[in-house]
mmCIF file of all heavy atoms, coordinates in Angstrom:
data_MODEL
# 
_entry.id   MODEL 
# 
loop_
_atom_site.group_PDB 
_atom_site.id 
_atom_site.type_symbol 
_atom_site.label_atom_id 
_atom_site.label_alt_id 
_atom_site.label_comp_id 
_atom_site.label_asym_id 
_atom_site.label_entity_id 
_atom_site.label_seq_id 
_atom_site.pdbx_PDB_ins_code 
_atom_site.Cartn_x 
_atom_site.Cartn_y 
_atom_site.Cartn_z 
_atom_site.occupancy 
_atom_site.B_iso_or_equiv 
_atom_site.pdbx_formal_charge 
_atom_site.auth_seq_id 
_atom_site.auth_comp_id 
_atom_site.auth_asym_id 
_atom_site.auth_atom_id 
_atom_site.pdbx_PDB_model_num 
ATOM 1   N N   . GLU A 1 1  ? 0.010  -3.738 11.280  1.00 0.00 ? 1  GLU A N   1 
ATOM 2   C CA  . GLU A 1 1  ? 0.987  -3.138 10.370  1.00 0.00 ? 1  GLU A CA  1 
ATOM 3   C C   . GLU A 1 1  ? 1.629  -4.168 9.457   1.00 0.00 ? 1  GLU A C   1 
ATOM 4   O O   . GLU A 1 1  ? 1.936  -3.871 8.299   1.00 0.00 ? 1  GLU A O   1 
ATOM 5   C CB  . GLU A 1 1  ? 2.049  -2.373 11.159  1.00 0.00 ? 1  GLU A CB  1 
ATOM 6   C CG  . GLU A 1 1  ? 1.544  -1.057 11.728  1.00 0.00 ? 1  GLU A CG  1 
ATOM 7   C CD  . GLU A 1 1  ? 2.657  -0.034 11.915  1.00 0.00 ? 1  GLU A CD  1 
ATOM 8   O OE1 . GLU A 1 1  ? 3.841  -0.386 11.711  1.00 0.00 ? 1  GLU A OE1 1 
ATOM 9   O OE2 . GLU A 1 1  ? 2.335  1.124  12.244  1.00 0.00 ? 1  GLU A OE2 1 
ATOM 10  N N   . ALA A 1 2  ? 1.817  -5.378 9.937   1.00 0.00 ? 2  ALA A N   1 
ATOM 11  C CA  . ALA A 1 2  ? 2.394  -6.411 9.080   1.00 0.00 ? 2  ALA A CA  1 
ATOM 12  C C   . ALA A 1 2  ? 1.463  -6.710 7.914   1.00 0.00 ? 2  ALA A C   1 
ATOM 13  O O   . ALA A 1 2  ? 1.909  -6.869 6.769   1.00 0.00 ? 2  ALA A O   1 
ATOM 14  C CB  . ALA A 1 2  ? 2.664  -7.677 9.897   1.00 0.00 ? 2  ALA A CB  1 
ATOM 15  N N   . ASP A 1 3  ? 0.151  -6.776 8.193   1.00 0.00 ? 3  ASP A N   1 
ATOM 16  C CA  . ASP A 1 3  ? -0.819 -6.989 7.121   1.00 0.00 ? 3  ASP A CA  1 
ATOM 17  C C   . ASP A 1 3  ? -0.829 -5.823 6.149   1.00 0.00 ? 3  ASP A C   1 
ATOM 18  O O   . ASP A 1 3  ? -0.923 -6.012 4.933   1.00 0.00 ? 3  ASP A O   1 
ATOM 19  C CB  . ASP A 1 3  ? -2.235 -7.176 7.709   1.00 0.00 ? 3  ASP A CB  1 
ATOM 20  C CG  . ASP A 1 3  ? -2.484 -8.596 8.182   1.00 0.00 ? 3  ASP A CG  1 
ATOM 21  O OD1 . ASP A 1 3  ? -1.667 -9.483 7.886   1.00 0.00 ? 3  ASP A OD1 1 
ATOM 22  O OD2 . ASP A 1 3  ? -3.516 -8.811 8.852   1.00 0.00 ? 3  ASP A OD2 1 
ATOM 23  N N   . ALA A 1 4  ? -0.778 -4.611 6.691   1.00 0.00 ? 4  ALA A N   1 
ATOM 24  C CA  . ALA A 1 4  ? -0.814 -3.423 5.845   1.00 0.00 ? 4  ALA A CA  1 
ATOM 25  C C   . ALA A 1 4  ? 0.395  -3.391 4.909   1.00 0.00 ? 4  ALA A C   1 
ATOM 26  O O   . ALA A 1 4  ? 0.262  -3.133 3.706   1.00 0.00 ? 4  ALA A O   1 
ATOM 27  C CB  . ALA A 1 4  ? -0.849 -2.162 6.708   1.00 0.00 ? 4  ALA A CB  1 
ATOM 28  N N   . ILE A 1 5  ? 1.565  -3.657 5.444   1.00 0.00 ? 5  ILE A N   1 
ATOM 29  C CA  . ILE A 1 5  ? 2.777  -3.660 4.622   1.00 0.00 ? 5  ILE A CA  1 
ATOM 30  C C   . ILE A 1 5  ? 2.707  -4.774 3.589   1.00 0.00 ? 5  ILE A C   1 
ATOM 31  O O   . ILE A 1 5  ? 3.070  -4.590 2.412   1.00 0.00 ? 5  ILE A O   1 
ATOM 32  C CB  . ILE A 1 5  ? 4.023  -3.788 5.514   1.00 0.00 ? 5  ILE A CB  1 
ATOM 33  C CG1 . ILE A 1 5  ? 4.241  -2.475 6.289   1.00 0.00 ? 5  ILE A CG1 1 
ATOM 34  C CG2 . ILE A 1 5  ? 5.268  -4.132 4.692   1.00 0.00 ? 5  ILE A CG2 1 
ATOM 35  C CD1 . ILE A 1 5  ? 5.337  -2.522 7.325   1.00 0.00 ? 5  ILE A CD1 1 
ATOM 36  N N   . ALA A 1 6  ? 2.201  -5.939 3.993   1.00 0.00 ? 6  ALA A N   1 
ATOM 37  C CA  . ALA A 1 6  ? 2.060  -7.047 3.049   1.00 0.00 ? 6  ALA A CA  1 
ATOM 38  C C   . ALA A 1 6  ? 1.078  -6.703 1.935   1.00 0.00 ? 6  ALA A C   1 
ATOM 39  O O   . ALA A 1 6  ? 1.261  -7.108 0.776   1.00 0.00 ? 6  ALA A O   1 
ATOM 40  C CB  . ALA A 1 6  ? 1.604  -8.309 3.785   1.00 0.00 ? 6  ALA A CB  1 
ATOM 41  N N   . THR A 1 7  ? 0.033  -5.935 2.268   1.00 0.00 ? 7  THR A N   1 
ATOM 42  C CA  . THR A 1 7  ? -0.951 -5.523 1.264   1.00 0.00 ? 7  THR A CA  1 
ATOM 43  C C   . THR A 1 7  ? -0.319 -4.620 0.222   1.00 0.00 ? 7  THR A C   1 
ATOM 44  O O   . THR A 1 7  ? -0.525 -4.783 -0.987  1.00 0.00 ? 7  THR A O   1 
ATOM 45  C CB  . THR A 1 7  ? -2.132 -4.801 1.946   1.00 0.00 ? 7  THR A CB  1 
ATOM 46  O OG1 . THR A 1 7  ? -2.756 -5.695 2.870   1.00 0.00 ? 7  THR A OG1 1 
ATOM 47  C CG2 . THR A 1 7  ? -3.157 -4.334 0.920   1.00 0.00 ? 7  THR A CG2 1 
ATOM 48  N N   . ILE A 1 8  ? 0.463  -3.656 0.675   1.00 0.00 ? 8  ILE A N   1 
ATOM 49  C CA  . ILE A 1 8  ? 1.146  -2.749 -0.253  1.00 0.00 ? 8  ILE A CA  1 
ATOM 50  C C   . ILE A 1 8  ? 2.089  -3.530 -1.153  1.00 0.00 ? 8  ILE A C   1 
ATOM 51  O O   . ILE A 1 8  ? 2.124  -3.336 -2.381  1.00 0.00 ? 8  ILE A O   1 
ATOM 52  C CB  . ILE A 1 8  ? 1.907  -1.665 0.528   1.00 0.00 ? 8  ILE A CB  1 
ATOM 53  C CG1 . ILE A 1 8  ? 0.909  -0.736 1.252   1.00 0.00 ? 8  ILE A CG1 1 
ATOM 54  C CG2 . ILE A 1 8  ? 2.819  -0.857 -0.400  1.00 0.00 ? 8  ILE A CG2 1 
ATOM 55  C CD1 . ILE A 1 8  ? 1.556  0.238  2.219   1.00 0.00 ? 8  ILE A CD1 1 
ATOM 56  N N   . ARG A 1 9  ? 2.825  -4.444 -0.585  1.00 0.00 ? 9  ARG A N   1 
ATOM 57  C CA  . ARG A 1 9  ? 3.785  -5.207 -1.381  1.00 0.00 ? 9  ARG A CA  1 
ATOM 58  C C   . ARG A 1 9  ? 3.091  -6.168 -2.338  1.00 0.00 ? 9  ARG A C   1 
ATOM 59  O O   . ARG A 1 9  ? 3.553  -6.376 -3.471  1.00 0.00 ? 9  ARG A O   1 
ATOM 60  C CB  . ARG A 1 9  ? 4.742  -5.951 -0.445  1.00 0.00 ? 9  ARG A CB  1 
ATOM 61  C CG  . ARG A 1 9  ? 5.666  -4.992 0.302   1.00 0.00 ? 9  ARG A CG  1 
ATOM 62  C CD  . ARG A 1 9  ? 6.572  -5.701 1.276   1.00 0.00 ? 9  ARG A CD  1 
ATOM 63  N NE  . ARG A 1 9  ? 7.502  -4.761 1.910   1.00 0.00 ? 9  ARG A NE  1 
ATOM 64  C CZ  . ARG A 1 9  ? 8.344  -5.076 2.887   1.00 0.00 ? 9  ARG A CZ  1 
ATOM 65  N NH1 . ARG A 1 9  ? 8.374  -6.329 3.353   1.00 0.00 ? 9  ARG A NH1 1 
ATOM 66  N NH2 . ARG A 1 9  ? 9.155  -4.161 3.399   1.00 0.00 ? 9  ARG A NH2 1 
ATOM 67  N N   . THR A 1 10 ? 1.976  -6.754 -1.913  1.00 0.00 ? 10 THR A N   1 
ATOM 68  C CA  . THR A 1 10 ? 1.208  -7.636 -2.800  1.00 0.00 ? 10 THR A CA  1 
ATOM 69  C C   . THR A 1 10 ? 0.716  -6.858 -4.014  1.00 0.00 ? 10 THR A C   1 
ATOM 70  O O   . THR A 1 10 ? 0.783  -7.333 -5.155  1.00 0.00 ? 10 THR A O   1 
ATOM 71  C CB  . THR A 1 10 ? 0.014  -8.248 -2.050  1.00 0.00 ? 10 THR A CB  1 
ATOM 72  O OG1 . THR A 1 10 ? 0.487  -9.082 -0.988  1.00 0.00 ? 10 THR A OG1 1 
ATOM 73  C CG2 . THR A 1 10 ? -0.862 -9.080 -2.986  1.00 0.00 ? 10 THR A CG2 1 
ATOM 74  N N   . ALA A 1 11 ? 0.214  -5.648 -3.770  1.00 0.00 ? 11 ALA A N   1 
ATOM 75  C CA  . ALA A 1 11 ? -0.280 -4.812 -4.871  1.00 0.00 ? 11 ALA A CA  1 
ATOM 76  C C   . ALA A 1 11 ? 0.843  -4.474 -5.844  1.00 0.00 ? 11 ALA A C   1 
ATOM 77  O O   . ALA A 1 11 ? 0.704  -4.613 -7.064  1.00 0.00 ? 11 ALA A O   1 
ATOM 78  C CB  . ALA A 1 11 ? -0.907 -3.536 -4.313  1.00 0.00 ? 11 ALA A CB  1 
ATOM 79  N N   . LEU A 1 12 ? 1.975  -4.039 -5.334  1.00 0.00 ? 12 LEU A N   1 
ATOM 80  C CA  . LEU A 1 12 ? 3.092  -3.660 -6.194  1.00 0.00 ? 12 LEU A CA  1 
ATOM 81  C C   . LEU A 1 12 ? 3.617  -4.857 -6.987  1.00 0.00 ? 12 LEU A C   1 
ATOM 82  O O   . LEU A 1 12 ? 3.925  -4.744 -8.179  1.00 0.00 ? 12 LEU A O   1 
ATOM 83  C CB  . LEU A 1 12 ? 4.206  -3.041 -5.357  1.00 0.00 ? 12 LEU A CB  1 
ATOM 84  C CG  . LEU A 1 12 ? 3.892  -1.660 -4.744  1.00 0.00 ? 12 LEU A CG  1 
ATOM 85  C CD1 . LEU A 1 12 ? 4.971  -1.277 -3.743  1.00 0.00 ? 12 LEU A CD1 1 
ATOM 86  C CD2 . LEU A 1 12 ? 3.773  -0.602 -5.827  1.00 0.00 ? 12 LEU A CD2 1 
ATOM 87  N N   . ASP A 1 13 ? 3.710  -6.006 -6.340  1.00 0.00 ? 13 ASP A N   1 
ATOM 88  C CA  . ASP A 1 13 ? 4.203  -7.198 -7.025  1.00 0.00 ? 13 ASP A CA  1 
ATOM 89  C C   . ASP A 1 13 ? 3.268  -7.622 -8.160  1.00 0.00 ? 13 ASP A C   1 
ATOM 90  O O   . ASP A 1 13 ? 3.700  -8.216 -9.150  1.00 0.00 ? 13 ASP A O   1 
ATOM 91  C CB  . ASP A 1 13 ? 4.361  -8.360 -6.037  1.00 0.00 ? 13 ASP A CB  1 
ATOM 92  C CG  . ASP A 1 13 ? 5.528  -8.158 -5.075  1.00 0.00 ? 13 ASP A CG  1 
ATOM 93  O OD1 . ASP A 1 13 ? 6.395  -7.306 -5.354  1.00 0.00 ? 13 ASP A OD1 1 
ATOM 94  O OD2 . ASP A 1 13 ? 5.564  -8.857 -4.039  1.00 0.00 ? 13 ASP A OD2 1 
ATOM 95  N N   . ALA A 1 14 ? 1.966  -7.287 -8.020  1.00 0.00 ? 14 ALA A N   1 
ATOM 96  C CA  . ALA A 1 14 ? 0.978  -7.668 -9.030  1.00 0.00 ? 14 ALA A CA  1 
ATOM 97  C C   . ALA A 1 14 ? 0.847  -6.630 -10.139 1.00 0.00 ? 14 ALA A C   1 
ATOM 98  O O   . ALA A 1 14 ? 0.078  -6.830 -11.081 1.00 0.00 ? 14 ALA A O   1 
ATOM 99  C CB  . ALA A 1 14 ? -0.381 -7.883 -8.370  1.00 0.00 ? 14 ALA A CB  1 
ATOM 100 N N   . GLY A 1 15 ? 1.569  -5.518 -10.029 1.00 0.00 ? 15 GLY A N   1 
ATOM 101 C CA  . GLY A 1 15 ? 1.505  -4.486 -11.056 1.00 0.00 ? 15 GLY A CA  1 
ATOM 102 C C   . GLY A 1 15 ? 0.613  -3.316 -10.728 1.00 0.00 ? 15 GLY A C   1 
ATOM 103 O O   . GLY A 1 15 ? 0.401  -2.435 -11.568 1.00 0.00 ? 15 GLY A O   1 
ATOM 104 N N   . VAL A 1 16 ? 0.053  -3.288 -9.512  1.00 0.00 ? 16 VAL A N   1 
ATOM 105 C CA  . VAL A 1 16 ? -0.739 -2.136 -9.068  1.00 0.00 ? 16 VAL A CA  1 
ATOM 106 C C   . VAL A 1 16 ? 0.239  -1.134 -8.476  1.00 0.00 ? 16 VAL A C   1 
ATOM 107 O O   . VAL A 1 16 ? 0.727  -1.310 -7.361  1.00 0.00 ? 16 VAL A O   1 
ATOM 108 C CB  . VAL A 1 16 ? -1.788 -2.547 -8.013  1.00 0.00 ? 16 VAL A CB  1 
ATOM 109 C CG1 . VAL A 1 16 ? -2.525 -1.320 -7.496  1.00 0.00 ? 16 VAL A CG1 1 
ATOM 110 C CG2 . VAL A 1 16 ? -2.758 -3.553 -8.596  1.00 0.00 ? 16 VAL A CG2 1 
ATOM 111 N N   . THR A 1 17 ? 0.531  -0.087 -9.208  1.00 0.00 ? 17 THR A N   1 
ATOM 112 C CA  . THR A 1 17 ? 1.609  0.815  -8.799  1.00 0.00 ? 17 THR A CA  1 
ATOM 113 C C   . THR A 1 17 ? 1.136  2.109  -8.136  1.00 0.00 ? 17 THR A C   1 
ATOM 114 O O   . THR A 1 17 ? 1.911  2.774  -7.459  1.00 0.00 ? 17 THR A O   1 
ATOM 115 C CB  . THR A 1 17 ? 2.479  1.186  -10.014 1.00 0.00 ? 17 THR A CB  1 
ATOM 116 O OG1 . THR A 1 17 ? 1.656  1.766  -11.026 1.00 0.00 ? 17 THR A OG1 1 
ATOM 117 C CG2 . THR A 1 17 ? 3.170  -0.055 -10.569 1.00 0.00 ? 17 THR A CG2 1 
ATOM 118 N N   . LEU A 1 18 ? -0.131 2.488  -8.348  1.00 0.00 ? 18 LEU A N   1 
ATOM 119 C CA  . LEU A 1 18 ? -0.620 3.762  -7.818  1.00 0.00 ? 18 LEU A CA  1 
ATOM 120 C C   . LEU A 1 18 ? -1.112 3.576  -6.383  1.00 0.00 ? 18 LEU A C   1 
ATOM 121 O O   . LEU A 1 18 ? -2.075 2.844  -6.127  1.00 0.00 ? 18 LEU A O   1 
ATOM 122 C CB  . LEU A 1 18 ? -1.747 4.301  -8.694  1.00 0.00 ? 18 LEU A CB  1 
ATOM 123 C CG  . LEU A 1 18 ? -2.289 5.699  -8.323  1.00 0.00 ? 18 LEU A CG  1 
ATOM 124 C CD1 . LEU A 1 18 ? -1.180 6.750  -8.402  1.00 0.00 ? 18 LEU A CD1 1 
ATOM 125 C CD2 . LEU A 1 18 ? -3.458 6.086  -9.246  1.00 0.00 ? 18 LEU A CD2 1 
ATOM 126 N N   . LEU A 1 19 ? -0.446 4.234  -5.448  1.00 0.00 ? 19 LEU A N   1 
ATOM 127 C CA  . LEU A 1 19 ? -0.805 4.186  -4.028  1.00 0.00 ? 19 LEU A CA  1 
ATOM 128 C C   . LEU A 1 19 ? -1.372 5.541  -3.625  1.00 0.00 ? 19 LEU A C   1 
ATOM 129 O O   . LEU A 1 19 ? -0.730 6.567  -3.827  1.00 0.00 ? 19 LEU A O   1 
ATOM 130 C CB  . LEU A 1 19 ? 0.421  3.866  -3.170  1.00 0.00 ? 19 LEU A CB  1 
ATOM 131 C CG  . LEU A 1 19 ? 1.235  2.624  -3.530  1.00 0.00 ? 19 LEU A CG  1 
ATOM 132 C CD1 . LEU A 1 19 ? 2.408  2.466  -2.573  1.00 0.00 ? 19 LEU A CD1 1 
ATOM 133 C CD2 . LEU A 1 19 ? 0.359  1.377  -3.523  1.00 0.00 ? 19 LEU A CD2 1 
ATOM 134 N N   . ASP A 1 20 ? -2.568 5.530  -3.051  1.00 0.00 ? 20 ASP A N   1 
ATOM 135 C CA  . ASP A 1 20 ? -3.213 6.786  -2.664  1.00 0.00 ? 20 ASP A CA  1 
ATOM 136 C C   . ASP A 1 20 ? -3.137 6.977  -1.155  1.00 0.00 ? 20 ASP A C   1 
ATOM 137 O O   . ASP A 1 20 ? -3.528 6.097  -0.379  1.00 0.00 ? 20 ASP A O   1 
ATOM 138 C CB  . ASP A 1 20 ? -4.683 6.782  -3.099  1.00 0.00 ? 20 ASP A CB  1 
ATOM 139 C CG  . ASP A 1 20 ? -5.362 8.094  -2.751  1.00 0.00 ? 20 ASP A CG  1 
ATOM 140 O OD1 . ASP A 1 20 ? -5.096 9.096  -3.442  1.00 0.00 ? 20 ASP A OD1 1 
ATOM 141 O OD2 . ASP A 1 20 ? -6.134 8.134  -1.776  1.00 0.00 ? 20 ASP A OD2 1 
ATOM 142 N N   . THR A 1 21 ? -2.649 8.142  -0.747  1.00 0.00 ? 21 THR A N   1 
ATOM 143 C CA  . THR A 1 21 ? -2.519 8.447  0.670   1.00 0.00 ? 21 THR A CA  1 
ATOM 144 C C   . THR A 1 21 ? -2.832 9.923  0.892   1.00 0.00 ? 21 THR A C   1 
ATOM 145 O O   . THR A 1 21 ? -3.234 10.648 -0.025  1.00 0.00 ? 21 THR A O   1 
ATOM 146 C CB  . THR A 1 21 ? -1.100 8.107  1.178   1.00 0.00 ? 21 THR A CB  1 
ATOM 147 O OG1 . THR A 1 21 ? -1.036 8.321  2.597   1.00 0.00 ? 21 THR A OG1 1 
ATOM 148 C CG2 . THR A 1 21 ? -0.032 8.959  0.493   1.00 0.00 ? 21 THR A CG2 1 
ATOM 149 N N   . ALA A 1 22 ? -2.680 10.390 2.120   1.00 0.00 ? 22 ALA A N   1 
ATOM 150 C CA  . ALA A 1 22 ? -2.870 11.804 2.472   1.00 0.00 ? 22 ALA A CA  1 
ATOM 151 C C   . ALA A 1 22 ? -2.050 12.098 3.715   1.00 0.00 ? 22 ALA A C   1 
ATOM 152 O O   . ALA A 1 22 ? -1.836 11.209 4.549   1.00 0.00 ? 22 ALA A O   1 
ATOM 153 C CB  . ALA A 1 22 ? -4.346 12.106 2.740   1.00 0.00 ? 22 ALA A CB  1 
ATOM 154 N N   . ASP A 1 23 ? -1.620 13.336 3.845   1.00 0.00 ? 23 ASP A N   1 
ATOM 155 C CA  . ASP A 1 23 ? -0.797 13.663 5.007   1.00 0.00 ? 23 ASP A CA  1 
ATOM 156 C C   . ASP A 1 23 ? -1.579 13.600 6.310   1.00 0.00 ? 23 ASP A C   1 
ATOM 157 O O   . ASP A 1 23 ? -1.002 13.478 7.391   1.00 0.00 ? 23 ASP A O   1 
ATOM 158 C CB  . ASP A 1 23 ? -0.118 15.029 4.834   1.00 0.00 ? 23 ASP A CB  1 
ATOM 159 C CG  . ASP A 1 23 ? -1.084 16.184 4.643   1.00 0.00 ? 23 ASP A CG  1 
ATOM 160 O OD1 . ASP A 1 23 ? -2.301 16.024 4.847   1.00 0.00 ? 23 ASP A OD1 1 
ATOM 161 O OD2 . ASP A 1 23 ? -0.611 17.285 4.261   1.00 0.00 ? 23 ASP A OD2 1 
ATOM 162 N N   . PHE A 1 24 ? -2.917 13.646 6.221   1.00 0.00 ? 24 PHE A N   1 
ATOM 163 C CA  . PHE A 1 24 ? -3.736 13.598 7.434   1.00 0.00 ? 24 PHE A CA  1 
ATOM 164 C C   . PHE A 1 24 ? -4.263 12.200 7.748   1.00 0.00 ? 24 PHE A C   1 
ATOM 165 O O   . PHE A 1 24 ? -4.971 12.012 8.727   1.00 0.00 ? 24 PHE A O   1 
ATOM 166 C CB  . PHE A 1 24 ? -4.912 14.585 7.322   1.00 0.00 ? 24 PHE A CB  1 
ATOM 167 C CG  . PHE A 1 24 ? -5.693 14.482 6.046   1.00 0.00 ? 24 PHE A CG  1 
ATOM 168 C CD1 . PHE A 1 24 ? -6.737 13.573 5.910   1.00 0.00 ? 24 PHE A CD1 1 
ATOM 169 C CD2 . PHE A 1 24 ? -5.393 15.311 4.976   1.00 0.00 ? 24 PHE A CD2 1 
ATOM 170 C CE1 . PHE A 1 24 ? -7.451 13.482 4.739   1.00 0.00 ? 24 PHE A CE1 1 
ATOM 171 C CE2 . PHE A 1 24 ? -6.120 15.231 3.782   1.00 0.00 ? 24 PHE A CE2 1 
ATOM 172 C CZ  . PHE A 1 24 ? -7.146 14.316 3.665   1.00 0.00 ? 24 PHE A CZ  1 
ATOM 173 N N   . TYR A 1 25 ? -3.938 11.196 6.943   1.00 0.00 ? 25 TYR A N   1 
ATOM 174 C CA  . TYR A 1 25 ? -4.301 9.819  7.273   1.00 0.00 ? 25 TYR A CA  1 
ATOM 175 C C   . TYR A 1 25 ? -3.425 9.364  8.444   1.00 0.00 ? 25 TYR A C   1 
ATOM 176 O O   . TYR A 1 25 ? -2.214 9.170  8.293   1.00 0.00 ? 25 TYR A O   1 
ATOM 177 C CB  . TYR A 1 25 ? -4.078 8.880  6.096   1.00 0.00 ? 25 TYR A CB  1 
ATOM 178 C CG  . TYR A 1 25 ? -5.039 9.022  4.945   1.00 0.00 ? 25 TYR A CG  1 
ATOM 179 C CD1 . TYR A 1 25 ? -4.778 8.406  3.725   1.00 0.00 ? 25 TYR A CD1 1 
ATOM 180 C CD2 . TYR A 1 25 ? -6.218 9.768  5.058   1.00 0.00 ? 25 TYR A CD2 1 
ATOM 181 C CE1 . TYR A 1 25 ? -5.651 8.520  2.659   1.00 0.00 ? 25 TYR A CE1 1 
ATOM 182 C CE2 . TYR A 1 25 ? -7.087 9.897  3.994   1.00 0.00 ? 25 TYR A CE2 1 
ATOM 183 C CZ  . TYR A 1 25 ? -6.802 9.269  2.793   1.00 0.00 ? 25 TYR A CZ  1 
ATOM 184 O OH  . TYR A 1 25 ? -7.665 9.387  1.723   1.00 0.00 ? 25 TYR A OH  1 
ATOM 185 N N   . GLY A 1 26 ? -4.053 9.213  9.598   1.00 0.00 ? 26 GLY A N   1 
ATOM 186 C CA  . GLY A 1 26 ? -3.277 8.863  10.780  1.00 0.00 ? 26 GLY A CA  1 
ATOM 187 C C   . GLY A 1 26 ? -2.322 9.961  11.197  1.00 0.00 ? 26 GLY A C   1 
ATOM 188 O O   . GLY A 1 26 ? -1.369 9.719  11.927  1.00 0.00 ? 26 GLY A O   1 
# 
């Protein structure tokens, strides 16, 4: 989870703003 959260934050900090998810993921 630490890696996953860091990945999301790395993307946002770099200007990648669109995050794709689904209610059935996990």
